[in-house]
Amino acid sequence: MKLSFCKNFEPCQVKYILEDLEDIEPDLVPHVNPLPILMVNSQRYCLPVAHKSSTRRDFLFNDILWILQQNSLGWTRGMHETFGDKFINCLIIDLLWYLDPHHAKLKDRGCNLPNIILNLPEYKINSNYNRFYFTGKHKKEQLSVVKLDGYVKEVESCVSQPWASAERWKQFVFSVLDLCHNARKYIKYLEEVNQSVKENHLSVDFIRNKIDNILIEIREKKESFDKKYDDISSILHNSDYYELISLDTYLSDDKRARYDFILNLEVDSAFTLYRTA
């Protein structure tokens, strides 16, 4: 049935005509099966939304997204906003940011970062993301066992989920686990140092002994020397070879005076000076 709405309008008006769909041939109506489209979209890998680069942490977050994109990695739609976002935040905001100012310490202890992390843009130019750590006038936080262990556990929990077992994630997850392994090596080092300090603190024995912490210096004979060393010169002339002579009775209580006395000690006999470090 045809309906006309414009019979009484002026000629300049637009004429609209509605037609019943029953008069249209069925073959002219496009039929789209939504199932394949949904299936294709569900298999596409997505990444969390990049952060606005307003802080150095945002730069680090976005650079990790770039690495994942370069390696064709991601999560299926929906998972990228839950599992994906949590994983990157645990890895980036917590662990990598915490380790960022301490790469030299880790390297000195044989705890090397994996190459996929060292390929981040800032690290490739020997720079850091947490620049405020070095430039800010604040107390520099050192790595602690409790914090580092907590961050590592969070990352390990993330990569133990089913999505991380997919073949496409194999290389990246291996690098993340390598990072965790080296972080745990440093944790072990910190624990050993802490234990050693506790044992020394509770020990009744001296930490340093006069045998292992001694400096030996040979002083040559001098024909002319300061008169304040006359007593020591006399003692040396009247002593046997290899006889030990203590200088304590000749030293002042003032630290600076003691240092100068020993530094300038010269007499008309050659002698060996022993000092504990």
Protein backbone atom coordinates (compact mmCIF):
# COMPACT_ATOMS: atom_id res chain seq x y z
CA MET A 1 0.00 0.00 0.00
CA LYS A 2 1.29 3.44 -0.95
CA LEU A 3 0.74 6.45 1.27
CA SER A 4 1.30 10.00 0.16
CA PHE A 5 1.86 12.72 2.79
CA CYS A 6 2.41 15.68 0.56
CA LYS A 7 -0.85 16.22 -1.40
CA ASN A 8 -1.71 19.50 0.31
CA PHE A 9 1.89 20.87 0.49
CA GLU A 10 3.37 23.51 -1.74
CA PRO A 11 5.36 22.28 -4.75
CA CYS A 12 8.58 23.33 -3.07
CA GLN A 13 8.04 20.79 -0.30
CA VAL A 14 9.71 17.38 -0.37
CA LYS A 15 7.45 14.45 -1.05
CA TYR A 16 7.88 11.30 1.09
CA ILE A 17 6.41 7.96 0.16
CA LEU A 18 6.32 4.91 2.44
CA GLU A 19 6.09 1.55 0.81
CA ASP A 20 5.12 -1.71 2.38
CA LEU A 21 8.04 -4.16 2.54
CA GLU A 22 5.75 -6.85 1.26
CA ASP A 23 6.02 -5.30 -2.20
CA ILE A 24 9.84 -5.58 -2.21
CA GLU A 25 11.37 -8.68 -3.67
CA PRO A 26 13.06 -10.89 -1.00
CA ASP A 27 16.28 -11.22 -3.01
CA LEU A 28 16.90 -7.47 -2.76
CA VAL A 29 17.09 -7.53 1.09
CA PRO A 30 20.71 -8.24 2.20
CA HIS A 31 21.06 -11.12 4.65
CA VAL A 32 24.14 -10.87 6.97
CA ASN A 33 25.07 -13.68 9.31
CA PRO A 34 26.48 -11.99 12.45
CA LEU A 35 28.03 -15.18 13.85
CA PRO A 36 31.21 -15.20 11.69
CA ILE A 37 31.76 -11.52 12.44
CA LEU A 38 31.45 -12.16 16.16
CA MET A 39 33.81 -15.11 15.89
CA VAL A 40 36.44 -13.08 14.04
CA ASN A 41 36.22 -10.19 16.50
CA SER A 42 36.49 -12.57 19.44
CA GLN A 43 39.79 -13.92 18.11
CA ARG A 44 41.43 -10.54 17.65
CA TYR A 45 44.15 -9.74 20.18
CA CYS A 46 43.79 -6.46 22.01
CA LEU A 47 45.98 -4.46 24.36
CA PRO A 48 44.98 -2.18 27.23
CA VAL A 49 44.47 1.47 26.35
CA ALA A 50 47.70 3.48 26.32
CA HIS A 51 48.13 6.03 29.08
CA LYS A 52 48.38 9.74 28.47
CA SER A 53 52.09 10.42 28.78
CA SER A 54 51.85 12.77 31.75
CA THR A 55 54.29 10.94 34.04
CA ARG A 56 57.41 8.85 33.63
CA ARG A 57 55.44 5.80 34.75
CA ASP A 58 53.08 6.38 31.83
CA PHE A 59 56.06 6.38 29.46
CA LEU A 60 57.18 3.03 30.86
CA PHE A 61 53.65 1.59 30.60
CA ASN A 62 53.30 2.70 26.97
CA ASP A 63 56.75 1.42 26.02
CA ILE A 64 55.79 -2.04 27.31
CA LEU A 65 52.62 -1.85 25.21
CA TRP A 66 54.84 -1.03 22.24
CA ILE A 67 57.00 -4.13 22.88
CA LEU A 68 53.91 -6.33 23.14
CA GLN A 69 52.60 -4.86 19.91
CA GLN A 70 55.93 -5.44 18.15
CA ASN A 71 55.74 -9.09 19.18
CA SER A 72 52.08 -9.42 18.05
CA LEU A 73 50.95 -10.13 21.59
CA GLY A 74 47.69 -9.30 23.30
CA TRP A 75 44.57 -10.69 24.92
CA THR A 76 41.17 -11.53 23.51
CA ARG A 77 38.56 -8.79 23.77
CA GLY A 78 37.43 -8.33 27.35
CA MET A 79 40.45 -10.09 28.80
CA HIS A 80 42.71 -7.22 27.77
CA GLU A 81 40.89 -4.92 30.20
CA THR A 82 41.11 -7.36 33.13
CA PHE A 83 43.95 -9.88 32.96
CA GLY A 84 45.99 -7.76 30.55
CA ASP A 85 45.75 -4.51 32.47
CA LYS A 86 46.54 -6.22 35.79
CA PHE A 87 49.56 -8.03 34.34
CA ILE A 88 51.09 -4.90 32.85
CA ASN A 89 50.47 -2.90 36.02
CA CYS A 90 52.05 -5.61 38.19
CA LEU A 91 55.01 -5.88 35.85
CA ILE A 92 55.45 -2.19 35.08
CA ILE A 93 54.06 0.00 37.81
CA ASP A 94 55.33 -2.26 40.55
CA LEU A 95 58.31 -4.44 39.68
CA LEU A 96 60.08 -2.67 36.80
CA TRP A 97 59.55 0.79 38.27
CA TYR A 98 60.89 -0.40 41.64
CA LEU A 99 64.00 -1.90 40.02
CA ASP A 100 64.55 0.98 37.60
CA PRO A 101 67.09 3.04 39.63
CA HIS A 102 69.01 -0.04 40.81
CA HIS A 103 70.14 -1.74 37.59
CA ALA A 104 73.82 -1.21 38.43
CA LYS A 105 73.43 -2.96 41.80
CA LEU A 106 71.68 -5.89 40.17
CA LYS A 107 74.37 -6.18 37.52
CA ASP A 108 77.17 -6.09 40.13
CA ARG A 109 75.56 -9.11 41.81
CA GLY A 110 75.12 -11.05 38.56
CA CYS A 111 71.38 -10.37 38.42
CA ASN A 112 71.06 -9.32 34.79
CA LEU A 113 67.82 -8.11 33.26
CA PRO A 114 66.47 -10.02 30.21
CA ASN A 115 67.13 -8.52 26.78
CA ILE A 116 63.47 -7.84 26.08
CA ILE A 117 63.48 -5.44 29.05
CA LEU A 118 66.84 -3.90 28.15
CA ASN A 119 65.42 -3.15 24.69
CA LEU A 120 63.01 -0.60 26.17
CA PRO A 121 63.75 2.81 24.58
CA GLU A 122 65.14 4.51 27.70
CA TYR A 123 67.42 1.58 28.55
CA LYS A 124 68.79 1.43 25.03
CA ILE A 125 70.17 4.96 25.49
CA ASN A 126 71.53 4.13 28.98
CA SER A 127 68.88 6.23 30.69
CA ASN A 128 66.19 5.57 33.29
CA TYR A 129 62.46 6.03 33.57
CA ASN A 130 62.50 7.04 37.24
CA ARG A 131 64.73 10.07 36.76
CA PHE A 132 63.38 11.80 39.86
CA TYR A 133 65.16 9.18 41.97
CA PHE A 134 68.49 10.67 40.87
CA THR A 135 67.58 14.34 40.53
CA GLY A 136 65.14 14.83 43.43
CA LYS A 137 66.32 16.04 46.82
CA HIS A 138 64.74 13.27 48.83
CA LYS A 139 65.79 10.18 50.72
CA LYS A 140 66.78 7.51 48.22
CA GLU A 141 64.82 4.32 48.87
CA GLN A 142 66.94 1.19 48.76
CA LEU A 143 65.72 -2.21 47.65
CA SER A 144 64.09 -4.17 50.46
CA VAL A 145 63.40 -7.88 50.74
CA VAL A 146 59.74 -7.42 51.71
CA LYS A 147 58.78 -5.07 48.86
CA LEU A 148 60.76 -6.85 46.16
CA ASP A 149 59.45 -10.25 47.18
CA GLY A 150 55.86 -8.94 47.13
CA TYR A 151 56.20 -7.49 43.64
CA VAL A 152 57.80 -10.68 42.29
CA LYS A 153 55.01 -12.82 43.73
CA GLU A 154 52.39 -10.63 42.03
CA VAL A 155 54.04 -11.03 38.63
CA GLU A 156 54.52 -14.78 39.09
CA SER A 157 50.85 -15.06 39.98
CA CYS A 158 49.87 -13.31 36.75
CA VAL A 159 51.97 -15.51 34.46
CA SER A 160 50.61 -18.66 36.11
CA GLN A 161 47.17 -17.98 34.60
CA PRO A 162 45.90 -19.96 31.57
CA TRP A 163 46.41 -17.14 29.03
CA ALA A 164 50.18 -17.18 29.71
CA SER A 165 50.47 -20.82 28.55
CA ALA A 166 49.51 -19.95 24.96
CA GLU A 167 52.29 -20.59 22.45
CA ARG A 168 52.43 -16.96 21.30
CA TRP A 169 53.28 -15.84 24.86
CA LYS A 170 56.04 -18.41 25.39
CA GLN A 171 59.08 -16.19 24.72
CA PHE A 172 57.78 -13.13 26.55
CA VAL A 173 56.67 -15.12 29.61
CA PHE A 174 60.08 -16.83 29.67
CA SER A 175 61.73 -13.38 29.81
CA VAL A 176 59.38 -12.28 32.61
CA LEU A 177 60.20 -15.41 34.61
CA ASP A 178 63.90 -14.75 34.01
CA LEU A 179 63.39 -11.26 35.44
CA CYS A 180 61.69 -12.76 38.50
CA HIS A 181 64.51 -15.29 38.89
CA ASN A 182 67.17 -12.57 38.94
CA ALA A 183 65.11 -10.48 41.34
CA ARG A 184 64.97 -13.50 43.66
CA LYS A 185 68.74 -13.88 43.38
CA TYR A 186 69.10 -10.34 44.67
CA ILE A 187 66.58 -11.06 47.42
CA LYS A 188 68.76 -13.98 48.51
CA TYR A 189 71.81 -11.70 48.54
CA LEU A 190 69.98 -9.15 50.71
CA GLU A 191 68.87 -11.88 53.10
CA GLU A 192 72.44 -13.16 53.44
CA VAL A 193 73.72 -9.64 54.13
CA ASN A 194 70.99 -9.02 56.69
CA GLN A 195 71.73 -12.33 58.40
CA SER A 196 75.44 -11.55 58.50
CA VAL A 197 74.78 -8.15 60.08
CA LYS A 198 72.54 -9.76 62.72
CA GLU A 199 75.17 -12.38 63.55
CA ASN A 200 77.88 -9.73 63.88
CA HIS A 201 75.61 -7.62 66.06
CA LEU A 202 74.92 -10.50 68.43
CA SER A 203 78.47 -11.89 68.39
CA VAL A 204 80.78 -11.38 71.41
CA ASP A 205 83.84 -11.62 69.16
CA PHE A 206 85.37 -8.65 67.39
CA ILE A 207 84.30 -8.32 63.78
CA ARG A 208 87.76 -7.10 62.80
CA ASN A 209 90.93 -8.65 64.22
CA LYS A 210 94.49 -7.39 64.34
CA ILE A 211 95.74 -10.10 62.02
CA ASP A 212 93.41 -9.77 59.03
CA ASN A 213 92.98 -5.99 59.21
CA ILE A 214 96.51 -4.68 59.52
CA LEU A 215 98.46 -2.23 57.35
CA ILE A 216 102.23 -2.58 57.10
CA GLU A 217 104.49 0.32 56.10
CA ILE A 218 108.29 0.45 56.01
CA ARG A 219 109.82 3.81 57.00
CA GLU A 220 113.36 4.52 55.85
CA LYS A 221 116.14 5.96 58.01
CA LYS A 222 116.33 9.77 58.14
CA GLU A 223 119.42 11.66 59.25
CA SER A 224 117.42 14.68 60.36
CA PHE A 225 114.00 14.49 62.00
CA ASP A 226 111.71 16.33 64.36
CA LYS A 227 112.92 16.48 67.99
CA LYS A 228 109.54 15.25 69.26
CA TYR A 229 110.51 11.80 67.96
CA ASP A 230 113.76 11.62 69.99
CA ASP A 231 112.31 9.21 72.56
CA ILE A 232 111.12 6.83 69.86
CA SER A 233 114.52 7.02 68.14
CA SER A 234 116.24 6.14 71.39
CA ILE A 235 113.96 3.17 72.00
CA LEU A 236 114.56 1.82 68.50
CA HIS A 237 118.35 2.06 68.92
CA ASN A 238 118.15 0.07 72.14
CA SER A 239 115.61 -2.54 71.00
CA ASP A 240 116.20 -5.95 69.49
CA TYR A 241 115.36 -6.80 65.90
CA TYR A 242 111.63 -7.46 65.35
CA GLU A 243 110.76 -6.23 68.83
CA LEU A 244 107.30 -4.68 68.95
CA ILE A 245 107.04 -1.18 70.38
CA SER A 246 103.68 0.38 71.14
CA LEU A 247 103.19 4.05 70.26
CA ASP A 248 100.12 4.50 72.44
CA THR A 249 102.05 6.30 75.20
CA TYR A 250 103.27 8.90 72.68
CA LEU A 251 99.95 9.63 71.02
CA SER A 252 97.60 12.46 71.88
CA ASP A 253 93.91 12.00 72.64
CA ASP A 254 93.11 14.39 69.81
CA LYS A 255 92.41 12.43 66.63
CA ARG A 256 93.95 15.00 64.32
CA ALA A 257 97.11 15.22 66.45
CA ARG A 258 97.39 11.41 66.49
CA TYR A 259 97.04 11.27 62.71
CA ASP A 260 99.71 13.95 62.14
CA PHE A 261 102.10 12.32 64.64
CA ILE A 262 102.00 8.95 62.84
CA LEU A 263 101.99 10.50 59.38
CA ASN A 264 105.20 12.47 60.00
CA LEU A 265 106.97 9.86 62.12
CA GLU A 266 110.63 9.70 60.97
CA VAL A 267 113.75 8.78 62.95
CA ASP A 268 117.38 7.90 62.34
CA SER A 269 116.58 4.20 62.13
CA ALA A 270 114.63 2.18 59.61
CA PHE A 271 111.55 0.56 61.07
CA THR A 272 108.29 -1.14 60.11
CA LEU A 273 105.04 0.50 61.14
CA TYR A 274 102.03 -1.69 61.82
CA ARG A 275 98.56 -0.12 61.88
CA THR A 276 95.17 -1.74 62.24
CA ALA A 277 92.75 -0.68 59.51
